[in-house]
Amino acid sequence: MKTVVSSLYELQKIELLSTHNSSGTNAGTNRLREKIPADYLSVYERYRVRGRRAVAVVRNGVCGECHLRIPMGTLVDLMHGDEVMRCGNCGRFLYLPEDAPLTMSSTPPTPQPAPTAKAHAHQPRRKKAELTAQAA
């Protein structure tokens, strides 16, 4: 299934370039379209008709289109490449490049020590009569 998403991504790149350039490569896009199942291609076309990208590149664990964090389980599934995954927020197909890191940083953040509370000595409450006697 990783080849399906990579084919969709390549098709998207070619079609985005062909809209900017007048020279379209129909033979290349037709070959890529043959590799993609019809149901995925119909979803791709719905995005394309609206002028949007259908495939989002995942970088640092974030969807490249809606910029929201992808759940870790979805990232693991993307790594294995067993099935086509879509973003839970924007619905785009998720493409994880081979060289992309899964998380923001490879080293875990160092925990900061918690501030210690100063212990106050507990003073017993004084009765109202004692306070008035001291004041007089």
C-alpha atoms as a PDB file:
ATOM      1  CA  MET A   1       0.000   0.000   0.000  1.00  0.00           C
ATOM      2  CA  LYS A   2       2.978   2.281   0.365  1.00  0.00           C
ATOM      3  CA  THR A   3       3.298   2.270  -3.406  1.00  0.00           C
ATOM      4  CA  VAL A   4      -0.289   3.525  -3.765  1.00  0.00           C
ATOM      5  CA  VAL A   5       0.356   6.579  -1.606  1.00  0.00           C
ATOM      6  CA  SER A   6       3.722   7.241  -3.235  1.00  0.00           C
ATOM      7  CA  SER A   7       2.019   7.004  -6.656  1.00  0.00           C
ATOM      8  CA  LEU A   8      -0.638   9.460  -5.487  1.00  0.00           C
ATOM      9  CA  TYR A   9       2.083  11.789  -4.231  1.00  0.00           C
ATOM     10  CA  GLU A  10       3.978  11.598  -7.534  1.00  0.00           C
ATOM     11  CA  LEU A  11       0.759  12.195  -9.477  1.00  0.00           C
ATOM     12  CA  GLN A  12       0.043  15.230  -7.316  1.00  0.00           C
ATOM     13  CA  LYS A  13       3.521  16.640  -7.911  1.00  0.00           C
ATOM     14  CA  ILE A  14       3.248  16.146 -11.673  1.00  0.00           C
ATOM     15  CA  GLU A  15      -0.199  17.712 -11.868  1.00  0.00           C
ATOM     16  CA  LEU A  16       0.811  20.682  -9.710  1.00  0.00           C
ATOM     17  CA  LEU A  17       3.797  21.301 -11.972  1.00  0.00           C
ATOM     18  CA  SER A  18       1.687  20.919 -15.101  1.00  0.00           C
ATOM     19  CA  THR A  19      -0.740  23.603 -13.902  1.00  0.00           C
ATOM     20  CA  HIS A  20       2.179  26.002 -13.489  1.00  0.00           C
ATOM     21  CA  ASN A  21       3.844  24.953 -16.743  1.00  0.00           C
ATOM     22  CA  SER A  22       2.059  24.678 -20.063  1.00  0.00           C
ATOM     23  CA  SER A  23       3.744  21.371 -20.915  1.00  0.00           C
ATOM     24  CA  GLY A  24       1.640  18.555 -19.421  1.00  0.00           C
ATOM     25  CA  THR A  25       2.860  14.972 -19.337  1.00  0.00           C
ATOM     26  CA  ASN A  26      -0.247  12.893 -20.033  1.00  0.00           C
ATOM     27  CA  ALA A  27       1.663   9.648 -20.563  1.00  0.00           C
ATOM     28  CA  GLY A  28       3.282   9.854 -17.122  1.00  0.00           C
ATOM     29  CA  THR A  29       0.053  10.686 -15.333  1.00  0.00           C
ATOM     30  CA  ASN A  30      -1.834   7.930 -17.153  1.00  0.00           C
ATOM     31  CA  ARG A  31       0.762   5.349 -16.068  1.00  0.00           C
ATOM     32  CA  LEU A  32       0.492   6.519 -12.463  1.00  0.00           C
ATOM     33  CA  ARG A  33      -3.310   6.499 -12.560  1.00  0.00           C
ATOM     34  CA  GLU A  34      -3.267   2.860 -13.664  1.00  0.00           C
ATOM     35  CA  LYS A  35      -1.356   1.910 -10.486  1.00  0.00           C
ATOM     36  CA  ILE A  36      -3.901   3.559  -8.172  1.00  0.00           C
ATOM     37  CA  PRO A  37      -7.194   1.833  -7.205  1.00  0.00           C
ATOM     38  CA  ALA A  38     -10.359   3.607  -8.371  1.00  0.00           C
ATOM     39  CA  ASP A  39     -11.689   4.459  -4.890  1.00  0.00           C
ATOM     40  CA  TYR A  40      -8.463   6.249  -3.917  1.00  0.00           C
ATOM     41  CA  LEU A  41      -8.381   7.994  -7.277  1.00  0.00           C
ATOM     42  CA  SER A  42     -11.918   9.315  -6.817  1.00  0.00           C
ATOM     43  CA  VAL A  43     -10.999  10.843  -3.433  1.00  0.00           C
ATOM     44  CA  TYR A  44      -7.888  12.326  -5.033  1.00  0.00           C
ATOM     45  CA  GLU A  45      -9.976  13.852  -7.817  1.00  0.00           C
ATOM     46  CA  ARG A  46     -12.407  15.470  -5.353  1.00  0.00           C
ATOM     47  CA  TYR A  47      -9.525  17.338  -3.729  1.00  0.00           C
ATOM     48  CA  ARG A  48      -7.971  18.212  -7.084  1.00  0.00           C
ATOM     49  CA  VAL A  49     -11.224  19.663  -8.474  1.00  0.00           C
ATOM     50  CA  ARG A  50     -11.389  21.988  -5.467  1.00  0.00           C
ATOM     51  CA  GLY A  51      -7.830  23.125  -6.110  1.00  0.00           C
ATOM     52  CA  ARG A  52      -6.432  21.407  -3.023  1.00  0.00           C
ATOM     53  CA  ARG A  53      -3.755  18.840  -2.406  1.00  0.00           C
ATOM     54  CA  ALA A  54      -4.960  15.314  -1.677  1.00  0.00           C
ATOM     55  CA  VAL A  55      -1.706  13.961  -0.268  1.00  0.00           C
ATOM     56  CA  ALA A  56      -0.084  15.480   2.805  1.00  0.00           C
ATOM     57  CA  VAL A  57       3.556  14.882   3.641  1.00  0.00           C
ATOM     58  CA  VAL A  58       4.121  13.947   7.285  1.00  0.00           C
ATOM     59  CA  ARG A  59       7.119  15.715   8.801  1.00  0.00           C
ATOM     60  CA  ASN A  60       8.006  15.608  12.494  1.00  0.00           C
ATOM     61  CA  GLY A  61       4.781  13.784  13.279  1.00  0.00           C
ATOM     62  CA  VAL A  62       2.614  16.589  11.856  1.00  0.00           C
ATOM     63  CA  CYS A  63       0.275  16.630   8.850  1.00  0.00           C
ATOM     64  CA  GLY A  64       1.786  18.891   6.211  1.00  0.00           C
ATOM     65  CA  GLU A  65      -1.576  20.361   5.186  1.00  0.00           C
ATOM     66  CA  CYS A  66      -3.618  20.978   8.362  1.00  0.00           C
ATOM     67  CA  HIS A  67      -0.541  21.137  10.652  1.00  0.00           C
ATOM     68  CA  LEU A  68      -2.008  18.978  13.408  1.00  0.00           C
ATOM     69  CA  ARG A  69      -0.101  16.243  15.191  1.00  0.00           C
ATOM     70  CA  ILE A  70      -0.684  12.718  13.902  1.00  0.00           C
ATOM     71  CA  PRO A  71      -1.374  10.086  16.607  1.00  0.00           C
ATOM     72  CA  MET A  72       1.561   7.776  17.295  1.00  0.00           C
ATOM     73  CA  GLY A  73      -0.430   4.688  16.293  1.00  0.00           C
ATOM     74  CA  THR A  74      -1.087   6.175  12.872  1.00  0.00           C
ATOM     75  CA  LEU A  75       2.600   7.030  12.487  1.00  0.00           C
ATOM     76  CA  VAL A  76       3.568   3.447  13.278  1.00  0.00           C
ATOM     77  CA  ASP A  77       1.066   2.192  10.700  1.00  0.00           C
ATOM     78  CA  LEU A  78       2.551   4.616   8.170  1.00  0.00           C
ATOM     79  CA  MET A  79       6.015   3.278   8.908  1.00  0.00           C
ATOM     80  CA  HIS A  80       4.934  -0.287   8.222  1.00  0.00           C
ATOM     81  CA  GLY A  81       3.066   0.759   5.087  1.00  0.00           C
ATOM     82  CA  ASP A  82       0.446  -1.993   5.320  1.00  0.00           C
ATOM     83  CA  GLU A  83      -2.525   0.250   4.554  1.00  0.00           C
ATOM     84  CA  VAL A  84      -3.344   3.695   3.224  1.00  0.00           C
ATOM     85  CA  MET A  85      -3.796   6.132   6.100  1.00  0.00           C
ATOM     86  CA  ARG A  86      -5.702   9.415   6.073  1.00  0.00           C
ATOM     87  CA  CYS A  87      -5.426  12.398   8.390  1.00  0.00           C
ATOM     88  CA  GLY A  88      -8.051  12.334  11.112  1.00  0.00           C
ATOM     89  CA  ASN A  89      -8.548  16.086  10.804  1.00  0.00           C
ATOM     90  CA  CYS A  90      -8.387  17.065   7.122  1.00  0.00           C
ATOM     91  CA  GLY A  91      -8.921  13.642   5.522  1.00  0.00           C
ATOM     92  CA  ARG A  92      -5.933  13.831   3.202  1.00  0.00           C
ATOM     93  CA  PHE A  93      -3.831  10.798   2.365  1.00  0.00           C
ATOM     94  CA  LEU A  94      -0.724  10.703   4.559  1.00  0.00           C
ATOM     95  CA  TYR A  95       2.650  10.206   2.919  1.00  0.00           C
ATOM     96  CA  LEU A  96       5.664   9.488   5.103  1.00  0.00           C
ATOM     97  CA  PRO A  97       8.954   9.981   3.233  1.00  0.00           C
ATOM     98  CA  GLU A  98      11.684   7.441   3.897  1.00  0.00           C
ATOM     99  CA  ASP A  99      14.003   9.996   5.515  1.00  0.00           C
ATOM    100  CA  ALA A 100      11.363  11.754   7.655  1.00  0.00           C
ATOM    101  CA  PRO A 101      11.699  11.607  11.448  1.00  0.00           C
ATOM    102  CA  LEU A 102       8.608  10.477  13.314  1.00  0.00           C
ATOM    103  CA  THR A 103       8.696  12.970  16.168  1.00  0.00           C
ATOM    104  CA  MET A 104       9.768  16.545  16.750  1.00  0.00           C
ATOM    105  CA  SER A 105      13.025  15.643  18.456  1.00  0.00           C
ATOM    106  CA  SER A 106      14.972  12.454  18.832  1.00  0.00           C
ATOM    107  CA  THR A 107      15.960  13.106  22.446  1.00  0.00           C
ATOM    108  CA  PRO A 108      13.353  13.252  25.187  1.00  0.00           C
ATOM    109  CA  PRO A 109      13.071  16.553  27.028  1.00  0.00           C
ATOM    110  CA  THR A 110      14.862  16.714  30.361  1.00  0.00           C
ATOM    111  CA  PRO A 111      12.460  16.981  33.278  1.00  0.00           C
ATOM    112  CA  GLN A 112      12.698  20.156  35.305  1.00  0.00           C
ATOM    113  CA  PRO A 113      12.801  19.809  39.100  1.00  0.00           C
ATOM    114  CA  ALA A 114       9.551  20.729  40.775  1.00  0.00           C
ATOM    115  CA  PRO A 115       9.707  23.823  42.967  1.00  0.00           C
ATOM    116  CA  THR A 116       9.745  22.932  46.620  1.00  0.00           C
ATOM    117  CA  ALA A 117       7.158  24.516  48.869  1.00  0.00           C
ATOM    118  CA  LYS A 118       8.431  26.137  52.026  1.00  0.00           C
ATOM    119  CA  ALA A 119       7.106  24.495  55.125  1.00  0.00           C
ATOM    120  CA  HIS A 120       5.402  26.997  57.373  1.00  0.00           C
ATOM    121  CA  ALA A 121       5.275  26.272  61.062  1.00  0.00           C
ATOM    122  CA  HIS A 122       1.714  25.760  62.151  1.00  0.00           C
ATOM    123  CA  GLN A 123       0.649  28.243  64.782  1.00  0.00           C
ATOM    124  CA  PRO A 124      -2.439  27.532  66.838  1.00  0.00           C
ATOM    125  CA  ARG A 125      -5.357  29.897  66.503  1.00  0.00           C
ATOM    126  CA  ARG A 126      -5.914  32.349  69.250  1.00  0.00           C
ATOM    127  CA  LYS A 127      -9.265  33.036  70.739  1.00  0.00           C
ATOM    128  CA  LYS A 128     -10.868  36.412  70.304  1.00  0.00           C
ATOM    129  CA  ALA A 129     -10.688  37.098  74.062  1.00  0.00           C
ATOM    130  CA  GLU A 130      -6.899  36.554  74.099  1.00  0.00           C
ATOM    131  CA  LEU A 131      -6.421  38.962  71.192  1.00  0.00           C
ATOM    132  CA  THR A 132      -8.476  41.716  72.851  1.00  0.00           C
ATOM    133  CA  ALA A 133      -6.658  41.213  76.166  1.00  0.00           C
ATOM    134  CA  GLN A 134      -3.298  41.591  74.431  1.00  0.00           C
ATOM    135  CA  ALA A 135      -4.443  44.707  72.655  1.00  0.00           C
ATOM    136  CA  ALA A 136      -5.487  46.405  75.884  1.00  0.00           C
END
